[in-house]
Every structure is written in structure tokens, then in C-alpha cells.
């Protein structure tokens, strides 16, 4: 499934994404640097009721947010991870196999750690203001 959107429409696009992916808990986002992975995850978290500041976990690797409904949302960035073993050491697999929502940037760095019900999404840059989501739902 594909969705084109402008950056001005990111909130409604993230709401549409959550409706399409309702019931799933693990989301993996690929895309070039600057494609908008963190920006899109920020919008998803806001739509899920997170009121705290949402920042990139590039250095911390895992950020934990809490929604107004007391749900936990993990935001994981694998950019600095060097291997599957390092991802496992960092506790990423524990987050992925929890019953909490997990949003992961750079999943291609450790592809073998994702559960079968992961939704993989690529964010493509079409222009300075336009993006395309390519959503792959699990079989």
C-alpha cells in the first residue's frame, strides 16, 4: 500500500496510517537520512496521545514515551547499532516482543530481530515537501 503526502498533511497521514495498521504493535521505518522517519514517528506518537517531547533516540538507542492513557511506546533507532548481536545486547528484542507499541528506525541494520507481525514502512523523498509511504502489512 502506498500513501503520498505533503509535510503539512503529516498529522492526518499519520492518523490514516494508524487506522490502516490498527491492531499491530511493531512498526519499522526505513528511508534515507532526512526522509522524515523521526518526524513521522513524532506525529504518530502525538496521535497516540503522547504529550511529552519526542526526540530522536540516535544516541540513547531506545526512548520510552507514555501516552495519556498510560500506554508505553518505544521509539528505537538502530542507526548506530553495528550488528544483530549489539541490538540484542541493547535490549531491543525485549521491547519488540513486549506487548507495547514499538517504532523502529533503520530496521535494515538488524533485520533478523523483528517479530513476524511487524509492519515495514519505507519513507521516500519525492520533493522538498512531498513524501511517499510504502507500507508492507504482514501476511
C-alpha atoms as a PDB file:
ATOM      1  CA  UNK A   1       0.000   0.000   0.000  1.00  0.00           C
ATOM      2  CA  UNK A   2       1.272   3.488  -0.844  1.00  0.00           C
ATOM      3  CA  UNK A   3       0.340   6.915   0.521  1.00  0.00           C
ATOM      4  CA  UNK A   4       1.692  10.187  -0.846  1.00  0.00           C
ATOM      5  CA  UNK A   5       1.560  13.221   1.430  1.00  0.00           C
ATOM      6  CA  UNK A   6       2.950  16.687   1.980  1.00  0.00           C
ATOM      7  CA  UNK A   7       4.707  17.598   5.189  1.00  0.00           C
ATOM      8  CA  UNK A   8       1.805  19.925   6.008  1.00  0.00           C
ATOM      9  CA  UNK A   9      -0.506  16.866   5.954  1.00  0.00           C
ATOM     10  CA  UNK A  10       1.670  14.708   8.199  1.00  0.00           C
ATOM     11  CA  UNK A  11      -0.801  14.672  11.116  1.00  0.00           C
ATOM     12  CA  UNK A  12      -3.715  13.427   9.031  1.00  0.00           C
ATOM     13  CA  UNK A  13      -1.411  10.991   7.208  1.00  0.00           C
ATOM     14  CA  UNK A  14      -0.158   9.551  10.480  1.00  0.00           C
ATOM     15  CA  UNK A  15      -3.778   9.189  11.630  1.00  0.00           C
ATOM     16  CA  UNK A  16      -4.586   7.343   8.366  1.00  0.00           C
ATOM     17  CA  UNK A  17      -1.521   5.142   8.912  1.00  0.00           C
ATOM     18  CA  UNK A  18      -2.699   4.207  12.408  1.00  0.00           C
ATOM     19  CA  UNK A  19      -6.149   3.306  11.062  1.00  0.00           C
ATOM     20  CA  UNK A  20      -4.644   1.110   8.338  1.00  0.00           C
ATOM     21  CA  UNK A  21      -2.346  -0.577  10.863  1.00  0.00           C
ATOM     22  CA  UNK A  22      -4.841  -0.864  13.706  1.00  0.00           C
ATOM     23  CA  UNK A  23      -4.096  -3.795  15.990  1.00  0.00           C
ATOM     24  CA  UNK A  24      -0.388  -4.011  15.133  1.00  0.00           C
ATOM     25  CA  UNK A  25       2.292  -3.132  17.671  1.00  0.00           C
ATOM     26  CA  UNK A  26       5.658  -3.182  15.863  1.00  0.00           C
ATOM     27  CA  UNK A  27       6.450  -0.692  13.110  1.00  0.00           C
ATOM     28  CA  UNK A  28       9.775  -0.495  11.258  1.00  0.00           C
ATOM     29  CA  UNK A  29      10.624   2.627   9.234  1.00  0.00           C
ATOM     30  CA  UNK A  30      13.278   2.738   6.519  1.00  0.00           C
ATOM     31  CA  UNK A  31      14.355   5.721   4.469  1.00  0.00           C
ATOM     32  CA  UNK A  32      17.298   7.897   3.568  1.00  0.00           C
ATOM     33  CA  UNK A  33      18.715  10.394   6.049  1.00  0.00           C
ATOM     34  CA  UNK A  34      16.307  13.330   6.109  1.00  0.00           C
ATOM     35  CA  UNK A  35      13.383  11.333   4.704  1.00  0.00           C
ATOM     36  CA  UNK A  36      11.295  12.101   7.771  1.00  0.00           C
ATOM     37  CA  UNK A  37      11.333   8.909   9.833  1.00  0.00           C
ATOM     38  CA  UNK A  38      11.657  10.717  13.171  1.00  0.00           C
ATOM     39  CA  UNK A  39       9.195  13.419  12.093  1.00  0.00           C
ATOM     40  CA  UNK A  40       6.616  10.804  11.099  1.00  0.00           C
ATOM     41  CA  UNK A  41       7.113   8.853  14.338  1.00  0.00           C
ATOM     42  CA  UNK A  42       6.728  12.119  16.251  1.00  0.00           C
ATOM     43  CA  UNK A  43       3.340  12.639  14.585  1.00  0.00           C
ATOM     44  CA  UNK A  44       2.314   9.026  15.250  1.00  0.00           C
ATOM     45  CA  UNK A  45       3.187   9.405  18.941  1.00  0.00           C
ATOM     46  CA  UNK A  46       1.154  12.609  19.195  1.00  0.00           C
ATOM     47  CA  UNK A  47      -1.805  10.835  17.562  1.00  0.00           C
ATOM     48  CA  UNK A  48      -1.394   8.047  20.130  1.00  0.00           C
ATOM     49  CA  UNK A  49      -1.655  10.530  22.994  1.00  0.00           C
ATOM     50  CA  UNK A  50       1.970  11.238  23.892  1.00  0.00           C
ATOM     51  CA  UNK A  51       2.216  14.764  25.276  1.00  0.00           C
ATOM     52  CA  UNK A  52       5.886  14.779  26.270  1.00  0.00           C
ATOM     53  CA  UNK A  53       8.667  15.958  23.941  1.00  0.00           C
ATOM     54  CA  UNK A  54       9.521  13.335  21.330  1.00  0.00           C
ATOM     55  CA  UNK A  55      13.185  13.280  20.373  1.00  0.00           C
ATOM     56  CA  UNK A  56      15.381  11.130  18.198  1.00  0.00           C
ATOM     57  CA  UNK A  57      16.897   8.189  20.093  1.00  0.00           C
ATOM     58  CA  UNK A  58      20.000   8.151  17.867  1.00  0.00           C
ATOM     59  CA  UNK A  59      22.337   8.277  20.879  1.00  0.00           C
ATOM     60  CA  UNK A  60      20.190   6.662  23.573  1.00  0.00           C
ATOM     61  CA  UNK A  61      19.007   3.976  21.070  1.00  0.00           C
ATOM     62  CA  UNK A  62      15.696   3.487  22.934  1.00  0.00           C
ATOM     63  CA  UNK A  63      13.297   6.216  24.089  1.00  0.00           C
ATOM     64  CA  UNK A  64      10.255   5.307  26.162  1.00  0.00           C
ATOM     65  CA  UNK A  65       7.171   7.516  25.991  1.00  0.00           C
ATOM     66  CA  UNK A  66       3.901   7.334  27.905  1.00  0.00           C
ATOM     67  CA  UNK A  67       0.532   8.250  26.410  1.00  0.00           C
ATOM     68  CA  UNK A  68      -2.237   9.988  28.343  1.00  0.00           C
ATOM     69  CA  UNK A  69      -3.830   6.512  28.618  1.00  0.00           C
ATOM     70  CA  UNK A  70      -0.642   5.220  30.323  1.00  0.00           C
ATOM     71  CA  UNK A  71       0.349   3.139  27.304  1.00  0.00           C
ATOM     72  CA  UNK A  72       4.072   2.722  26.685  1.00  0.00           C
ATOM     73  CA  UNK A  73       5.517   3.496  23.268  1.00  0.00           C
ATOM     74  CA  UNK A  74       9.110   2.577  22.470  1.00  0.00           C
ATOM     75  CA  UNK A  75      10.961   4.643  19.870  1.00  0.00           C
ATOM     76  CA  UNK A  76      14.091   2.805  18.753  1.00  0.00           C
ATOM     77  CA  UNK A  77      16.849   3.996  16.434  1.00  0.00           C
ATOM     78  CA  UNK A  78      19.237   1.342  15.119  1.00  0.00           C
ATOM     79  CA  UNK A  79      21.425   3.811  13.161  1.00  0.00           C
ATOM     80  CA  UNK A  80      24.430   3.424  15.498  1.00  0.00           C
ATOM     81  CA  UNK A  81      23.992  -0.338  16.036  1.00  0.00           C
ATOM     82  CA  UNK A  82      26.654  -2.391  14.258  1.00  0.00           C
ATOM     83  CA  UNK A  83      25.131  -5.891  14.362  1.00  0.00           C
ATOM     84  CA  UNK A  84      22.235  -8.071  15.407  1.00  0.00           C
ATOM     85  CA  UNK A  85      24.241  -9.115  18.481  1.00  0.00           C
ATOM     86  CA  UNK A  86      24.670  -5.480  19.522  1.00  0.00           C
ATOM     87  CA  UNK A  87      20.923  -4.900  19.061  1.00  0.00           C
ATOM     88  CA  UNK A  88      20.200  -7.875  21.305  1.00  0.00           C
ATOM     89  CA  UNK A  89      22.673  -6.595  23.919  1.00  0.00           C
ATOM     90  CA  UNK A  90      20.908  -3.219  23.913  1.00  0.00           C
ATOM     91  CA  UNK A  91      17.619  -4.904  24.841  1.00  0.00           C
ATOM     92  CA  UNK A  92      15.838  -4.085  21.603  1.00  0.00           C
ATOM     93  CA  UNK A  93      14.397  -7.570  21.199  1.00  0.00           C
ATOM     94  CA  UNK A  94      12.794  -7.268  24.649  1.00  0.00           C
ATOM     95  CA  UNK A  95      10.975  -4.121  23.514  1.00  0.00           C
ATOM     96  CA  UNK A  96       9.916  -5.723  20.221  1.00  0.00           C
ATOM     97  CA  UNK A  97       8.500  -8.775  21.987  1.00  0.00           C
ATOM     98  CA  UNK A  98       6.710  -6.787  24.690  1.00  0.00           C
ATOM     99  CA  UNK A  99       3.031  -6.050  24.285  1.00  0.00           C
ATOM    100  CA  UNK A 100       3.841  -2.353  23.843  1.00  0.00           C
ATOM    101  CA  UNK A 101       3.937  -0.299  20.653  1.00  0.00           C
ATOM    102  CA  UNK A 102       7.433  -0.142  19.129  1.00  0.00           C
ATOM    103  CA  UNK A 103       8.521   2.205  16.359  1.00  0.00           C
ATOM    104  CA  UNK A 104      11.939   1.427  14.934  1.00  0.00           C
ATOM    105  CA  UNK A 105      14.115   3.482  12.615  1.00  0.00           C
ATOM    106  CA  UNK A 106      16.768   1.816  10.401  1.00  0.00           C
ATOM    107  CA  UNK A 107      15.447  -1.792  10.691  1.00  0.00           C
ATOM    108  CA  UNK A 108      17.684  -2.931   7.845  1.00  0.00           C
ATOM    109  CA  UNK A 109      20.645  -2.822  10.250  1.00  0.00           C
ATOM    110  CA  UNK A 110      19.341  -5.803  12.284  1.00  0.00           C
ATOM    111  CA  UNK A 111      16.647  -7.477  10.159  1.00  0.00           C
ATOM    112  CA  UNK A 112      16.589 -10.800  11.987  1.00  0.00           C
ATOM    113  CA  UNK A 113      15.227  -9.431  15.261  1.00  0.00           C
ATOM    114  CA  UNK A 114      11.732  -8.406  14.142  1.00  0.00           C
ATOM    115  CA  UNK A 115       8.642 -10.451  15.004  1.00  0.00           C
ATOM    116  CA  UNK A 116       6.553 -11.849  12.138  1.00  0.00           C
ATOM    117  CA  UNK A 117       3.756  -9.326  12.685  1.00  0.00           C
ATOM    118  CA  UNK A 118       5.969  -6.271  12.073  1.00  0.00           C
ATOM    119  CA  UNK A 119       4.723  -3.617   9.661  1.00  0.00           C
ATOM    120  CA  UNK A 120       7.605  -2.456   7.474  1.00  0.00           C
ATOM    121  CA  UNK A 121       7.297   1.025   6.008  1.00  0.00           C
ATOM    122  CA  UNK A 122       9.608   2.907   3.679  1.00  0.00           C
ATOM    123  CA  UNK A 123       9.523   6.673   3.510  1.00  0.00           C
ATOM    124  CA  UNK A 124      10.620   8.010   0.148  1.00  0.00           C
ATOM    125  CA  UNK A 125      11.504  11.628  -0.610  1.00  0.00           C
ATOM    126  CA  UNK A 126       9.571  12.821  -3.664  1.00  0.00           C
ATOM    127  CA  UNK A 127      10.474  16.517  -3.313  1.00  0.00           C
ATOM    128  CA  UNK A 128      11.384  19.010  -0.590  1.00  0.00           C
ATOM    129  CA  UNK A 129       7.796  18.903   0.709  1.00  0.00           C
ATOM    130  CA  UNK A 130       6.386  15.569  -0.530  1.00  0.00           C
ATOM    131  CA  UNK A 131       6.912  12.061   0.757  1.00  0.00           C
ATOM    132  CA  UNK A 132       5.591   8.604  -0.070  1.00  0.00           C
ATOM    133  CA  UNK A 133       4.937   5.847   2.439  1.00  0.00           C
ATOM    134  CA  UNK A 134       5.209   2.293   1.183  1.00  0.00           C
ATOM    135  CA  UNK A 135       3.513   0.113   3.795  1.00  0.00           C
ATOM    136  CA  UNK A 136       4.041  -3.644   3.851  1.00  0.00           C
ATOM    137  CA  UNK A 137       1.498  -5.415   6.026  1.00  0.00           C
ATOM    138  CA  UNK A 138       2.422  -8.882   7.391  1.00  0.00           C
ATOM    139  CA  UNK A 139       0.986 -11.868   5.546  1.00  0.00           C
END
